[in-house]
Amino acid sequence: VMDGDGGVTSEGYEAETGYRFSDRRGSYEEVFKNRYPLGEGLRGGLGWTYDYVSAILGFVATEIGYLSQPGKTMGLAPYGAPSPELAEPWIESQGFKLDFAPFHEWLEAAGHSERLRFDSRERALIQSEAQISRQAKDLAWKVQHELEEAALHLARELHAATGAKQLCLAGGVALNSVANGRIAREGPFEEVFVQPAADDRGQAIGLAYQGYLKLQAARDAPEVAPIAHAYGGKRYPDKACKLLLKRAMLSYRELKGPTLAREAAAKLAAGQIVAWFQGGSELGPRALGHRSILADPRQADMKERLNARVKFRESFRPFAPSVLAERAAEVFELAGQSPYMLQVAPVREPWRARVPAIVHEDGTARVQTVTAASQPTYRALIEAFAEQTGVPLLLNTSFNLRGEPIVESPEDALRTFCYTEIDVLYLGPYEVKAPASSRVFPRLATGWELVVENRIDRGDPRLKVWFEEAESAKKVPVRPLPELVALVTALDGKRSLQEAMQVALEGTPAPDVAKACERFVRLMLRSGPLALRVGDLDL
């Protein structure tokens, strides 16, 4: 178990612990435990080291004020390289013990202490995602390399101490799929399993297992069965999805049996971006084919298209593949299976040019292996795509807007669908096309107002426009175009977007102008100043 910090005693907080389990009834022995002292200074442990560097880079959730965004650091790392300024090791090891004093000394000597802010990016190395310095890239590479080496060292020490053939990984650090992949490929264990909700949210599972085992101990209960899948979320009946679509007055068609997979695969093969909502939602941070946005991995520009139209995230972050389990070794240098997308593996050279949309800067990919036993509907889709294209995998990314959680309900799915440029939504068995501008009714969101100022700047009149939320004083800038001001004024919730464009532009807009207006409205929907009604449904 590798985490930022766990249980606290007088000796400090635990960060890395190894256990050996002798059966599936909860019998175990502690092999080692690394504790670090609490205090005013810098903290030790693999998790905190990675968090500190993420904060220095600027990858922090400022709205929360105490969390880093380590996934971004991991995504940036392949763009960096070893540098003379970062040549000295940060972590020293002796047996299970890890010493982080060299890292702390470097951090102080390099003058980065003032950048250690989790509530602000003001002094971070990265101020613009479009302009990331070589220093920042190399720093991401360095902390990733140090983490991998330390985690691999602990895995080898644990194997030497126990002789075990199987390794289970958990804790927030175990979401570092690059390190997991190295442990699986280079480590001494025959099998490596990573808990799908390896971070703090996985505590619920562990506590449930512990409670079950304690309650059943006196009854000679059967052993706890292995996790069969990660789809433990609420399942929404097809009837509820159909009712929602009727309320939204959207056109849809029901696809039964193999037709669903065949039709969706054809859309993907034609280059369309597909939203896929099926069954219960996934446990953990990864979308695994039940709440996913899918695309054709063969198209080299698909990563840019997804970022421009749907995900709106940093360009350096990769997109992952879902592959038929029995063909995974054909495409990837993967050790074993990776059902929860928690191992990164090199893409084999012959495949890199065939599936460029899922190949990261260093030639790797974060792989999800898909079986019929755990994911029959998703599996059928990938099989259909393979039959049509010869490629046994899809690009799979989470079904959500940037900064928001993965969609849970059909309402969430429909909202995200309407707020982006996803081409088609599969809501259970129903294929839903994006609504036309004549079917959507935007309006100013409650608590927001449009502010227009005419200013004189050095003798010239200048128009300044923004949305402002009264309660929070949040401002969202708007390009100072009279046409956009007229459009927003016309968005009263009674007119459709098409009607509002005709009023604002005094006639039917040209197709490119209409497309620009639609993108502006979607941007304001995602940013907060606008709200949307589709049919009788407020999203």
Protein backbone atom coordinates (compact mmCIF):
# COMPACT_ATOMS: atom_id res chain seq x y z
CA VAL A 1 0.00 0.00 0.00
CA MET A 2 1.53 3.34 -1.07
CA ASP A 3 -0.27 6.55 -0.20
CA GLY A 4 0.29 10.16 0.82
CA ASP A 5 -0.43 9.50 4.46
CA GLY A 6 -2.51 6.94 6.29
CA GLY A 7 -3.02 6.06 9.92
CA VAL A 8 -1.31 8.29 12.49
CA THR A 9 0.34 7.21 15.74
CA SER A 10 2.87 8.81 18.07
CA GLU A 11 5.53 7.57 15.65
CA GLY A 12 4.02 9.53 12.75
CA TYR A 13 1.85 8.78 9.72
CA GLU A 14 2.20 5.69 7.59
CA ALA A 15 2.88 6.07 3.88
CA GLU A 16 4.19 2.71 2.60
CA THR A 17 3.21 -0.64 4.07
CA GLY A 18 3.62 -4.25 2.96
CA TYR A 19 1.39 -7.13 4.04
CA ARG A 20 1.36 -10.84 3.31
CA PHE A 21 -2.05 -12.51 3.21
CA SER A 22 -2.19 -16.24 3.83
CA ASP A 23 -5.80 -16.82 2.75
CA ARG A 24 -8.92 -15.03 1.48
CA ARG A 25 -10.47 -14.86 4.94
CA GLY A 26 -8.44 -11.88 6.07
CA SER A 27 -5.45 -13.61 7.69
CA TYR A 28 -2.33 -11.51 7.17
CA GLU A 29 0.98 -10.43 8.65
CA GLU A 30 2.64 -7.04 8.38
CA VAL A 31 5.97 -7.25 6.57
CA PHE A 32 7.02 -3.61 6.83
CA LYS A 33 5.62 -0.17 7.56
CA ASN A 34 7.23 3.18 6.78
CA ARG A 35 6.17 6.02 9.07
CA TYR A 36 7.21 9.65 8.83
CA PRO A 37 7.02 12.29 11.57
CA LEU A 38 4.32 14.92 11.61
CA GLY A 39 5.55 18.46 11.95
CA GLU A 40 5.78 21.88 10.41
CA GLY A 41 8.42 20.91 7.84
CA LEU A 42 8.27 18.96 4.62
CA ARG A 43 6.65 15.54 4.72
CA GLY A 44 8.20 12.27 3.65
CA GLY A 45 6.75 9.46 1.60
CA LEU A 46 6.28 8.70 -2.08
CA GLY A 47 2.85 10.30 -2.25
CA TRP A 48 3.89 13.61 -0.73
CA THR A 49 7.02 13.82 -2.88
CA TYR A 50 4.94 13.50 -6.02
CA ASP A 51 2.37 15.97 -4.67
CA TYR A 52 5.05 18.55 -3.88
CA VAL A 53 6.43 18.48 -7.42
CA SER A 54 2.90 18.61 -8.85
CA ALA A 55 2.30 21.76 -6.78
CA ILE A 56 5.56 23.32 -7.94
CA LEU A 57 4.47 22.70 -11.53
CA GLY A 58 1.03 24.18 -10.86
CA PHE A 59 -1.01 21.00 -11.06
CA VAL A 60 -3.24 21.64 -8.04
CA ALA A 61 -6.98 21.74 -7.42
CA THR A 62 -7.08 25.34 -6.18
CA GLU A 63 -10.81 25.25 -5.57
CA ILE A 64 -10.21 22.57 -2.92
CA GLY A 65 -6.97 23.99 -1.60
CA TYR A 66 -5.15 20.85 -0.49
CA LEU A 67 -5.10 18.41 -3.40
CA SER A 68 -2.63 18.05 -6.24
CA GLN A 69 -3.37 16.73 -9.73
CA PRO A 70 -0.68 14.05 -10.06
CA GLY A 71 -2.19 12.56 -13.22
CA LYS A 72 -1.13 15.69 -15.10
CA THR A 73 2.43 15.33 -13.83
CA MET A 74 2.48 11.73 -15.02
CA GLY A 75 1.15 12.80 -18.42
CA LEU A 76 3.78 15.53 -18.79
CA ALA A 77 6.74 13.38 -17.70
CA PRO A 78 7.46 11.73 -21.11
CA TYR A 79 8.06 15.18 -22.61
CA GLY A 80 11.00 15.67 -20.24
CA ALA A 81 14.40 14.06 -19.99
CA PRO A 82 17.32 13.66 -17.55
CA SER A 83 19.10 16.97 -16.95
CA PRO A 84 22.40 17.85 -15.23
CA GLU A 85 20.57 20.08 -12.74
CA LEU A 86 18.52 17.08 -11.58
CA ALA A 87 21.20 14.40 -11.73
CA GLU A 88 21.44 13.66 -7.99
CA PRO A 89 19.02 11.05 -6.61
CA TRP A 90 16.16 12.34 -4.47
CA ILE A 91 15.31 9.15 -2.58
CA GLU A 92 17.79 6.88 -0.81
CA SER A 93 16.80 3.34 0.11
CA GLN A 94 18.05 0.78 2.57
CA GLY A 95 15.90 -2.30 2.69
CA PHE A 96 12.32 -1.15 3.07
CA LYS A 97 13.32 2.22 4.48
CA LEU A 98 13.15 5.24 2.20
CA ASP A 99 14.96 8.48 3.01
CA PHE A 100 13.58 11.66 1.40
CA ALA A 101 16.16 14.06 2.90
CA PRO A 102 17.98 14.50 -0.45
CA PHE A 103 14.71 15.58 -2.09
CA HIS A 104 13.91 18.02 0.70
CA GLU A 105 17.43 19.49 0.51
CA TRP A 106 17.16 19.91 -3.25
CA LEU A 107 13.73 21.55 -2.95
CA GLU A 108 15.03 24.12 -0.46
CA ALA A 109 18.28 24.74 -2.34
CA ALA A 110 16.47 25.21 -5.66
CA GLY A 111 14.24 27.87 -4.11
CA HIS A 112 11.00 26.03 -4.79
CA SER A 113 9.58 26.27 -1.27
CA GLU A 114 7.59 29.35 -2.17
CA ARG A 115 5.94 27.45 -5.01
CA LEU A 116 4.52 24.82 -2.64
CA ARG A 117 0.97 26.13 -2.75
CA PHE A 118 -2.08 23.93 -3.14
CA ASP A 119 -4.50 26.86 -3.11
CA SER A 120 -2.83 29.05 -5.74
CA ARG A 121 -0.89 28.78 -9.01
CA GLU A 122 0.53 32.30 -8.83
CA ARG A 123 4.15 31.18 -8.45
CA ALA A 124 3.93 27.83 -10.22
CA LEU A 125 6.38 26.96 -12.99
CA ILE A 126 3.54 26.44 -15.46
CA GLN A 127 1.41 29.53 -15.98
CA SER A 128 0.12 28.60 -19.42
CA GLU A 129 -0.63 25.14 -20.75
CA ALA A 130 0.42 26.40 -24.18
CA GLN A 131 3.89 27.40 -22.94
CA ILE A 132 5.53 24.76 -20.77
CA SER A 133 9.24 25.23 -20.17
CA ARG A 134 11.93 22.59 -20.54
CA GLN A 135 12.57 23.00 -16.80
CA ALA A 136 8.98 22.02 -15.98
CA LYS A 137 9.04 19.02 -18.34
CA ASP A 138 12.33 17.77 -16.94
CA LEU A 139 11.07 18.18 -13.39
CA ALA A 140 8.00 16.05 -14.19
CA TRP A 141 10.29 13.42 -15.71
CA LYS A 142 12.52 13.45 -12.64
CA VAL A 143 9.79 12.90 -10.05
CA GLN A 144 8.20 10.19 -12.18
CA HIS A 145 11.55 8.42 -12.53
CA GLU A 146 12.23 8.64 -8.79
CA LEU A 147 8.78 7.25 -7.98
CA GLU A 148 9.16 4.34 -10.39
CA GLU A 149 12.58 3.38 -9.06
CA ALA A 150 11.47 3.54 -5.42
CA ALA A 151 8.24 1.59 -6.03
CA LEU A 152 10.11 -1.07 -8.01
CA HIS A 153 12.69 -1.30 -5.21
CA LEU A 154 9.97 -1.86 -2.58
CA ALA A 155 8.34 -4.52 -4.77
CA ARG A 156 11.63 -6.40 -5.07
CA GLU A 157 12.29 -6.14 -1.33
CA LEU A 158 8.79 -7.44 -0.58
CA HIS A 159 9.26 -10.38 -2.89
CA ALA A 160 12.63 -11.20 -1.35
CA ALA A 161 11.09 -11.12 2.13
CA THR A 162 8.01 -13.23 1.33
CA GLY A 163 8.64 -15.27 -1.80
CA ALA A 164 5.07 -14.49 -2.86
CA LYS A 165 4.11 -14.90 -6.51
CA GLN A 166 1.25 -12.38 -6.57
CA LEU A 167 1.30 -8.70 -5.72
CA CYS A 168 -1.70 -6.46 -4.98
CA LEU A 169 -1.24 -2.70 -5.13
CA ALA A 170 -3.41 -0.06 -3.47
CA GLY A 171 -3.17 3.49 -2.16
CA GLY A 172 -3.20 6.70 -4.18
CA VAL A 173 0.31 6.09 -5.51
CA ALA A 174 -0.98 2.89 -7.12
CA LEU A 175 -2.95 5.06 -9.55
CA ASN A 176 0.41 5.83 -11.16
CA SER A 177 -0.10 3.43 -14.02
CA VAL A 178 3.38 4.01 -15.45
CA ALA A 179 5.00 2.75 -12.24
CA ASN A 180 2.52 -0.15 -12.11
CA GLY A 181 3.49 -1.16 -15.64
CA ARG A 182 7.17 -1.24 -14.75
CA ILE A 183 6.48 -3.32 -11.63
CA ALA A 184 4.48 -5.79 -13.72
CA ARG A 185 7.09 -6.03 -16.50
CA GLU A 186 10.36 -5.72 -14.55
CA GLY A 187 9.42 -6.88 -11.06
CA PRO A 188 9.76 -10.42 -9.68
CA PHE A 189 6.05 -11.19 -9.26
CA GLU A 190 4.17 -13.48 -11.62
CA GLU A 191 0.92 -11.50 -11.27
CA VAL A 192 0.21 -7.88 -10.36
CA PHE A 193 -3.29 -6.72 -9.44
CA VAL A 194 -4.17 -3.06 -8.89
CA GLN A 195 -7.34 -2.22 -7.00
CA PRO A 196 -9.58 -0.19 -9.36
CA ALA A 197 -10.33 2.44 -6.68
CA ALA A 198 -6.79 2.44 -5.32
CA ASP A 199 -6.95 5.89 -3.73
CA ASP A 200 -8.98 7.05 -0.71
CA ARG A 201 -12.32 6.13 -2.26
CA GLY A 202 -11.23 2.48 -2.07
CA GLN A 203 -11.45 2.58 1.72
CA ALA A 204 -15.17 1.90 1.44
CA ILE A 205 -14.43 -1.43 -0.24
CA GLY A 206 -11.77 -2.40 2.29
CA LEU A 207 -13.98 -1.55 5.24
CA ALA A 208 -16.87 -3.50 3.74
CA TYR A 209 -14.65 -6.55 3.32
CA GLN A 210 -13.30 -6.18 6.84
CA GLY A 211 -16.77 -5.87 8.30
CA TYR A 212 -17.98 -8.91 6.37
CA LEU A 213 -15.04 -11.01 7.51
CA LYS A 214 -15.46 -10.05 11.15
CA LEU A 215 -19.19 -10.74 11.12
CA GLN A 216 -18.75 -14.07 9.38
CA ALA A 217 -15.67 -15.26 11.27
CA ALA A 218 -17.66 -17.37 13.69
CA ARG A 219 -19.77 -18.91 10.93
CA ASP A 220 -16.96 -20.38 8.85
CA ALA A 221 -18.04 -18.18 5.94
CA PRO A 222 -16.73 -18.85 2.43
CA GLU A 223 -13.61 -17.03 1.30
CA VAL A 224 -14.02 -13.59 -0.22
CA ALA A 225 -14.24 -13.95 -3.99
CA PRO A 226 -11.98 -11.92 -6.26
CA ILE A 227 -13.41 -8.73 -7.74
CA ALA A 228 -15.13 -9.74 -10.97
CA HIS A 229 -15.61 -6.24 -12.39
CA ALA A 230 -15.73 -2.56 -11.42
CA TYR A 231 -19.30 -1.78 -12.50
CA GLY A 232 -20.95 -1.43 -9.12
CA GLY A 233 -22.87 1.77 -9.78
CA LYS A 234 -26.62 2.16 -10.07
CA ARG A 235 -28.19 0.67 -13.19
CA TYR A 236 -30.78 2.82 -14.94
CA PRO A 237 -33.66 0.96 -16.66
CA ASP A 238 -34.11 1.42 -20.41
CA LYS A 239 -37.60 2.70 -19.63
CA ALA A 240 -36.14 5.61 -17.62
CA CYS A 241 -33.75 6.49 -20.45
CA LYS A 242 -36.59 6.45 -22.97
CA LEU A 243 -38.77 8.67 -20.78
CA LEU A 244 -35.93 11.17 -20.45
CA LEU A 245 -35.46 11.33 -24.22
CA LYS A 246 -39.16 11.91 -24.72
CA ARG A 247 -39.12 14.77 -22.21
CA ALA A 248 -36.18 16.28 -24.10
CA MET A 249 -38.09 15.81 -27.37
CA LEU A 250 -34.98 14.40 -29.01
CA SER A 251 -35.01 12.07 -31.98
CA TYR A 252 -33.73 8.59 -31.19
CA ARG A 253 -33.97 5.02 -32.33
CA GLU A 254 -33.79 1.78 -30.38
CA LEU A 255 -31.13 -0.73 -31.43
CA LYS A 256 -31.53 -4.28 -30.21
CA GLY A 257 -29.07 -7.15 -29.90
CA PRO A 258 -25.95 -7.09 -32.10
CA THR A 259 -27.33 -4.14 -34.09
CA LEU A 260 -26.28 -1.76 -31.30
CA ALA A 261 -22.60 -2.75 -31.49
CA ARG A 262 -22.59 -2.93 -35.28
CA GLU A 263 -24.17 0.52 -35.78
CA ALA A 264 -22.00 2.20 -33.13
CA ALA A 265 -18.85 0.61 -34.56
CA ALA A 266 -19.74 1.95 -38.00
CA LYS A 267 -20.09 5.46 -36.58
CA LEU A 268 -16.68 5.15 -34.92
CA ALA A 269 -15.05 3.79 -38.07
CA ALA A 270 -16.46 6.79 -39.96
CA GLY A 271 -14.63 9.13 -37.60
CA GLN A 272 -17.51 10.16 -35.35
CA ILE A 273 -17.07 10.83 -31.62
CA VAL A 274 -19.37 8.56 -29.61
CA ALA A 275 -20.68 8.90 -26.05
CA TRP A 276 -21.31 5.45 -24.53
CA PHE A 277 -23.58 5.10 -21.47
CA GLN A 278 -24.31 1.48 -20.48
CA GLY A 279 -25.10 -0.40 -17.25
CA GLY A 280 -23.78 0.58 -13.84
CA SER A 281 -21.05 3.19 -13.50
CA GLU A 282 -17.43 2.32 -12.86
CA LEU A 283 -15.76 2.18 -9.46
CA GLY A 284 -12.63 4.33 -9.33
CA PRO A 285 -11.29 7.17 -11.48
CA ARG A 286 -11.16 5.40 -14.86
CA ALA A 287 -13.90 5.15 -17.45
CA LEU A 288 -14.01 1.48 -18.42
CA GLY A 289 -16.65 1.30 -21.12
CA HIS A 290 -19.82 2.12 -19.18
CA ARG A 291 -19.40 5.91 -18.97
CA SER A 292 -17.03 6.54 -21.85
CA ILE A 293 -16.37 8.80 -24.82
CA LEU A 294 -15.07 6.66 -27.65
CA ALA A 295 -13.27 7.35 -30.91
CA ASP A 296 -11.30 5.72 -33.73
CA PRO A 297 -7.64 5.29 -32.64
CA ARG A 298 -6.45 5.14 -36.27
CA GLN A 299 -6.98 8.85 -36.92
CA ALA A 300 -3.88 10.89 -36.17
CA ASP A 301 -5.86 14.09 -35.54
CA MET A 302 -8.38 12.48 -33.19
CA LYS A 303 -6.56 13.65 -30.05
CA GLU A 304 -6.75 17.27 -31.23
CA ARG A 305 -10.39 16.88 -32.29
CA LEU A 306 -11.38 15.47 -28.92
CA ASN A 307 -9.64 18.27 -27.07
CA ALA A 308 -11.13 20.98 -29.30
CA ARG A 309 -14.69 19.65 -29.33
CA VAL A 310 -15.25 17.64 -26.16
CA LYS A 311 -12.53 17.35 -23.49
CA PHE A 312 -10.95 20.84 -23.56
CA ARG A 313 -7.97 19.62 -21.57
CA GLU A 314 -4.19 19.93 -21.73
CA SER A 315 -2.72 18.83 -25.05
CA PHE A 316 0.09 16.86 -23.38
CA ARG A 317 -2.29 14.41 -21.70
CA PRO A 318 -2.74 11.14 -23.60
CA PHE A 319 -5.86 9.17 -24.46
CA ALA A 320 -6.08 5.50 -23.56
CA PRO A 321 -7.07 2.33 -25.45
CA SER A 322 -9.53 -0.44 -24.64
CA VAL A 323 -8.37 -3.65 -26.33
CA LEU A 324 -9.72 -7.18 -26.70
CA ALA A 325 -7.97 -9.08 -23.91
CA GLU A 326 -6.75 -11.96 -26.05
CA ARG A 327 -5.15 -9.58 -28.57
CA ALA A 328 -3.56 -7.19 -26.06
CA ALA A 329 -0.12 -8.82 -26.30
CA GLU A 330 -0.25 -8.44 -30.08
CA VAL A 331 -0.46 -4.65 -29.80
CA PHE A 332 1.22 -3.88 -26.45
CA GLU A 333 4.21 -5.13 -24.45
CA LEU A 334 1.86 -5.85 -21.58
CA ALA A 335 2.59 -8.14 -18.63
CA GLY A 336 -0.65 -10.01 -17.89
CA GLN A 337 -4.03 -8.30 -17.98
CA SER A 338 -5.03 -4.72 -17.14
CA PRO A 339 -8.83 -4.75 -16.73
CA TYR A 340 -8.98 -1.44 -14.83
CA MET A 341 -6.72 0.66 -17.08
CA LEU A 342 -4.03 0.88 -14.40
CA GLN A 343 -0.98 -0.27 -16.33
CA VAL A 344 1.00 1.65 -18.94
CA ALA A 345 2.80 -0.47 -21.51
CA PRO A 346 4.86 0.21 -24.65
CA VAL A 347 2.94 0.04 -27.93
CA ARG A 348 4.61 -2.44 -30.24
CA GLU A 349 6.42 -0.72 -33.09
CA PRO A 350 4.29 -2.08 -35.98
CA TRP A 351 1.13 -0.73 -34.31
CA ARG A 352 2.28 2.77 -33.47
CA ALA A 353 1.52 4.13 -36.91
CA ARG A 354 -1.77 2.20 -37.10
CA VAL A 355 -3.25 3.63 -33.88
CA PRO A 356 -1.52 7.01 -33.40
CA ALA A 357 -4.37 8.57 -31.39
CA ILE A 358 -3.60 6.42 -28.33
CA VAL A 359 0.22 6.48 -28.48
CA HIS A 360 1.84 8.82 -25.96
CA GLU A 361 4.99 10.86 -26.51
CA ASP A 362 7.22 7.99 -25.32
CA GLY A 363 5.49 5.31 -27.38
CA THR A 364 3.35 3.95 -24.53
CA ALA A 365 -0.35 3.68 -23.72
CA ARG A 366 -2.44 3.15 -20.57
CA VAL A 367 -4.18 -0.10 -21.44
CA GLN A 368 -7.56 -1.55 -20.54
CA THR A 369 -8.05 -5.21 -21.43
CA VAL A 370 -11.67 -6.20 -22.12
CA THR A 371 -13.26 -9.62 -21.68
CA ALA A 372 -16.72 -10.90 -22.53
CA ALA A 373 -17.27 -12.19 -18.99
CA SER A 374 -17.07 -8.78 -17.32
CA GLN A 375 -18.09 -6.39 -20.12
CA PRO A 376 -20.28 -8.15 -22.72
CA THR A 377 -21.83 -5.02 -24.28
CA TYR A 378 -18.58 -3.08 -24.50
CA ARG A 379 -16.76 -6.18 -25.67
CA ALA A 380 -19.29 -6.64 -28.48
CA LEU A 381 -18.67 -3.07 -29.62
CA ILE A 382 -14.89 -3.53 -29.82
CA GLU A 383 -15.37 -6.85 -31.62
CA ALA A 384 -17.63 -5.16 -34.17
CA PHE A 385 -15.08 -2.39 -34.68
CA ALA A 386 -12.33 -5.01 -35.14
CA GLU A 387 -14.45 -6.83 -37.75
CA GLN A 388 -15.00 -3.60 -39.68
CA THR A 389 -11.47 -2.18 -39.44
CA GLY A 390 -9.06 -4.95 -38.44
CA VAL A 391 -8.10 -2.96 -35.31
CA PRO A 392 -8.98 -4.70 -31.99
CA LEU A 393 -9.16 -1.58 -29.85
CA LEU A 394 -10.89 1.76 -29.34
CA LEU A 395 -9.82 5.10 -27.92
CA ASN A 396 -11.58 5.40 -24.58
CA THR A 397 -11.73 8.52 -22.40
CA SER A 398 -14.02 9.47 -19.55
CA PHE A 399 -17.52 10.80 -20.27
CA ASN A 400 -17.35 14.17 -18.52
CA LEU A 401 -16.58 17.84 -18.95
CA ARG A 402 -13.21 19.17 -17.86
CA GLY A 403 -13.16 19.70 -14.11
CA GLU A 404 -16.31 17.65 -13.52
CA PRO A 405 -16.77 14.05 -12.34
CA ILE A 406 -17.64 11.28 -14.76
CA VAL A 407 -21.35 11.29 -15.59
CA GLU A 408 -23.46 9.07 -13.37
CA SER A 409 -27.10 9.38 -14.48
CA PRO A 410 -28.85 9.60 -17.86
CA GLU A 411 -29.50 13.30 -17.10
CA ASP A 412 -25.77 13.84 -16.59
CA ALA A 413 -25.05 12.10 -19.87
CA LEU A 414 -27.59 14.16 -21.81
CA ARG A 415 -26.29 17.40 -20.31
CA THR A 416 -22.67 16.67 -21.24
CA PHE A 417 -23.79 15.55 -24.69
CA CYS A 418 -25.61 18.83 -25.32
CA TYR A 419 -22.78 20.96 -23.89
CA THR A 420 -20.17 19.54 -26.28
CA GLU A 421 -19.74 18.53 -29.91
CA ILE A 422 -20.08 14.79 -29.42
CA ASP A 423 -21.60 13.37 -32.60
CA VAL A 424 -23.85 10.67 -31.19
CA LEU A 425 -24.92 9.34 -27.79
CA TYR A 426 -25.79 5.72 -27.03
CA LEU A 427 -27.95 5.85 -23.93
CA GLY A 428 -28.52 2.19 -23.18
CA PRO A 429 -30.05 0.77 -26.37
CA TYR A 430 -31.03 4.20 -27.75
CA GLU A 431 -29.03 6.03 -30.40
CA VAL A 432 -29.44 9.78 -29.92
CA LYS A 433 -28.35 12.43 -32.38
CA ALA A 434 -27.17 15.86 -31.28
CA PRO A 435 -30.13 18.28 -31.15
CA ALA A 436 -30.39 20.94 -33.84
CA SER A 437 -30.25 24.62 -32.87
CA SER A 438 -34.01 24.77 -33.41
CA ARG A 439 -34.53 22.28 -30.54
CA VAL A 440 -32.46 23.90 -27.78
CA PHE A 441 -33.43 26.93 -25.69
CA PRO A 442 -30.51 28.69 -23.92
CA ARG A 443 -31.01 31.45 -21.37
CA LEU A 444 -29.06 33.45 -18.83
CA ALA A 445 -28.42 31.28 -15.77
CA THR A 446 -29.85 32.34 -12.41
CA GLY A 447 -27.62 34.83 -10.62
CA TRP A 448 -25.72 35.87 -13.75
CA GLU A 449 -25.86 39.08 -15.75
CA LEU A 450 -24.28 40.40 -18.93
CA VAL A 451 -22.15 43.50 -18.39
CA VAL A 452 -21.35 45.78 -21.34
CA GLU A 453 -19.09 48.79 -20.97
CA ASN A 454 -18.15 51.41 -23.53
CA ARG A 455 -14.76 52.76 -22.56
CA ILE A 456 -12.53 55.45 -24.01
CA ASP A 457 -9.00 54.11 -24.30
CA ARG A 458 -6.48 56.74 -25.45
CA GLY A 459 -9.21 58.58 -27.25
CA ASP A 460 -10.67 55.48 -28.94
CA PRO A 461 -13.99 53.96 -27.93
CA ARG A 462 -13.58 50.36 -26.73
CA LEU A 463 -16.29 47.82 -25.97
CA LYS A 464 -15.74 45.53 -22.99
CA VAL A 465 -18.12 42.63 -22.34
CA TRP A 466 -18.32 39.95 -19.68
CA PHE A 467 -20.71 37.79 -17.69
CA GLU A 468 -20.70 38.23 -13.93
CA GLU A 469 -22.21 36.13 -11.15
CA ALA A 470 -23.49 38.38 -8.38
CA GLU A 471 -22.91 36.03 -5.44
CA SER A 472 -19.34 34.99 -6.21
CA ALA A 473 -18.26 37.97 -8.36
CA LYS A 474 -16.96 35.40 -10.85
CA LYS A 475 -16.41 36.89 -14.31
CA VAL A 476 -16.44 35.16 -17.68
CA PRO A 477 -15.09 37.35 -20.50
CA VAL A 478 -16.87 37.62 -23.85
CA ARG A 479 -15.35 38.77 -27.12
CA PRO A 480 -16.46 42.39 -27.54
CA LEU A 481 -18.51 41.86 -30.68
CA PRO A 482 -21.89 43.62 -31.05
CA GLU A 483 -23.27 40.46 -32.69
CA LEU A 484 -22.48 38.37 -29.59
CA VAL A 485 -24.04 40.96 -27.31
CA ALA A 486 -27.17 40.91 -29.47
CA LEU A 487 -27.20 37.09 -29.43
CA VAL A 488 -26.97 36.87 -25.63
CA THR A 489 -29.70 39.47 -25.28
CA ALA A 490 -31.93 37.37 -27.53
CA LEU A 491 -31.35 34.19 -25.48
CA ASP A 492 -34.40 34.47 -23.25
CA GLY A 493 -35.22 30.75 -22.84
CA LYS A 494 -38.35 31.16 -24.97
CA ARG A 495 -36.60 31.46 -28.30
CA SER A 496 -34.67 28.53 -29.67
CA LEU A 497 -31.00 29.09 -30.41
CA GLN A 498 -31.87 29.19 -34.09
CA GLU A 499 -34.50 31.88 -33.52
CA ALA A 500 -32.15 33.90 -31.32
CA MET A 501 -29.48 33.86 -34.03
CA GLN A 502 -31.98 35.09 -36.59
CA VAL A 503 -33.07 37.93 -34.29
CA ALA A 504 -29.51 38.93 -33.35
CA LEU A 505 -28.14 38.78 -36.87
CA GLU A 506 -31.29 40.09 -38.55
CA GLY A 507 -31.66 37.09 -40.78
CA THR A 508 -30.53 33.53 -41.29
CA PRO A 509 -26.79 33.29 -40.57
CA ALA A 510 -24.32 31.67 -42.93
CA PRO A 511 -23.37 28.09 -41.90
CA ASP A 512 -19.95 29.09 -40.58
CA VAL A 513 -21.44 31.95 -38.55
CA ALA A 514 -24.12 29.65 -37.15
CA LYS A 515 -21.47 27.11 -36.17
CA ALA A 516 -19.45 29.83 -34.39
CA CYS A 517 -22.55 30.99 -32.50
CA GLU A 518 -23.35 27.42 -31.43
CA ARG A 519 -19.79 26.93 -30.14
CA PHE A 520 -19.97 30.20 -28.22
CA VAL A 521 -23.22 29.12 -26.55
CA ARG A 522 -21.76 25.72 -25.62
CA LEU A 523 -18.71 27.42 -24.14
CA MET A 524 -20.92 29.65 -21.99
CA LEU A 525 -22.99 26.64 -20.94
CA ARG A 526 -19.84 24.88 -19.75
CA SER A 527 -18.54 28.05 -18.07
CA GLY A 528 -21.74 28.71 -16.12
CA PRO A 529 -23.35 31.97 -17.39
CA LEU A 530 -25.91 30.19 -19.59
CA ALA A 531 -28.45 27.47 -18.79
CA LEU A 532 -30.26 25.21 -21.24
CA ARG A 533 -33.68 23.74 -21.82
CA VAL A 534 -34.16 20.90 -24.27
CA GLY A 535 -37.80 20.08 -24.79
CA ASP A 536 -39.36 20.06 -21.31
CA LEU A 537 -36.05 19.22 -19.66
CA ASP A 538 -33.80 21.74 -17.92
CA LEU A 539 -30.17 20.67 -18.08
